[in-house]
Amino acid sequence: MINENLLSRIVVDPEVCHGKPCVRGLRYPVETILEYLAGGDSVEDLLTEFPDLDRDDILACHEYSRRILAARSVHLALK
């Protein structure tokens, strides 16, 4: 699936999760999916825990965050 099709899975609706970007309007914020992954959960863990998501939804969260970071210059102080 090309990246543009993946991005179509991310929806911003002021009536859903206070306008945060969500997966297909299902009330799964992109931020939350990324937090699970950063915390050590695998894609398979998420698909088991949330059966209404599919692998492309997770890939869409990755692509969305990649594009957001590419659009902004973010410099973190590494210690």
Protein backbone atom coordinates (compact mmCIF):
# COMPACT_ATOMS: atom_id res chain seq x y z
CA MET A 1 0.00 0.00 0.00
CA ILE A 2 1.45 3.35 -0.95
CA ASN A 3 1.95 5.99 1.72
CA GLU A 4 -0.89 8.24 0.53
CA ASN A 5 -3.37 5.38 0.95
CA LEU A 6 -1.98 4.73 4.40
CA LEU A 7 -2.44 8.36 5.36
CA SER A 8 -6.09 8.24 4.34
CA ARG A 9 -6.59 5.98 7.39
CA ILE A 10 -5.71 8.86 9.72
CA VAL A 11 -8.67 11.13 10.40
CA VAL A 12 -8.85 14.44 12.22
CA ASP A 13 -12.39 15.18 13.36
CA PRO A 14 -13.16 17.76 16.06
CA GLU A 15 -15.96 15.48 17.27
CA VAL A 16 -13.63 12.49 17.84
CA CYS A 17 -11.00 12.52 20.62
CA HIS A 18 -10.96 16.33 20.78
CA GLY A 19 -9.66 16.58 17.22
CA LYS A 20 -6.56 14.45 17.74
CA PRO A 21 -5.47 12.43 14.70
CA CYS A 22 -7.12 9.00 15.01
CA VAL A 23 -7.12 5.74 13.12
CA ARG A 24 -10.15 5.66 10.81
CA GLY A 25 -12.20 7.67 13.31
CA LEU A 26 -12.23 4.68 15.69
CA ARG A 27 -11.12 6.71 18.70
CA TYR A 28 -7.63 5.25 18.64
CA PRO A 29 -5.38 8.31 18.64
CA VAL A 30 -2.17 7.97 16.64
CA GLU A 31 -0.34 9.17 19.75
CA THR A 32 -1.70 6.26 21.80
CA ILE A 33 -0.74 3.63 19.22
CA LEU A 34 2.79 5.07 19.09
CA GLU A 35 2.97 5.06 22.90
CA TYR A 36 2.12 1.35 22.97
CA LEU A 37 4.83 0.64 20.40
CA ALA A 38 7.38 2.80 22.24
CA GLY A 39 6.51 0.95 25.44
CA GLY A 40 7.54 -2.35 23.91
CA ASP A 41 4.30 -3.74 22.51
CA SER A 42 4.66 -5.34 19.10
CA VAL A 43 2.36 -4.82 16.15
CA GLU A 44 1.03 -8.31 16.81
CA ASP A 45 0.31 -7.37 20.44
CA LEU A 46 -1.74 -4.38 19.30
CA LEU A 47 -3.64 -6.39 16.70
CA THR A 48 -4.54 -8.94 19.35
CA GLU A 49 -5.53 -6.32 21.93
CA PHE A 50 -7.51 -4.21 19.45
CA PRO A 51 -9.11 -6.57 16.91
CA ASP A 52 -10.80 -3.74 15.00
CA LEU A 53 -7.35 -2.47 13.92
CA ASP A 54 -5.31 -4.02 11.15
CA ARG A 55 -1.65 -3.93 10.20
CA ASP A 56 -2.12 -1.05 7.76
CA ASP A 57 -3.61 1.05 10.57
CA ILE A 58 -0.37 0.65 12.53
CA LEU A 59 1.70 1.44 9.43
CA ALA A 60 -0.47 4.52 8.90
CA CYS A 61 0.41 5.74 12.40
CA HIS A 62 4.12 5.31 11.59
CA GLU A 63 3.77 7.14 8.29
CA TYR A 64 1.75 9.96 9.85
CA SER A 65 4.34 10.50 12.57
CA ARG A 66 7.19 10.31 10.03
CA ARG A 67 5.57 13.03 7.96
CA ILE A 68 4.92 15.24 10.99
CA LEU A 69 8.55 14.94 12.05
CA ALA A 70 9.79 15.55 8.52
CA ALA A 71 7.75 18.74 8.36
CA ARG A 72 9.17 20.12 11.60
CA SER A 73 12.73 20.55 12.67
CA VAL A 74 12.96 18.95 16.08
CA HIS A 75 16.20 19.11 18.02
CA LEU A 76 16.42 17.16 21.26
CA ALA A 77 19.28 17.58 23.68
CA LEU A 78 20.90 14.18 24.01
CA LYS A 79 22.57 13.54 27.34
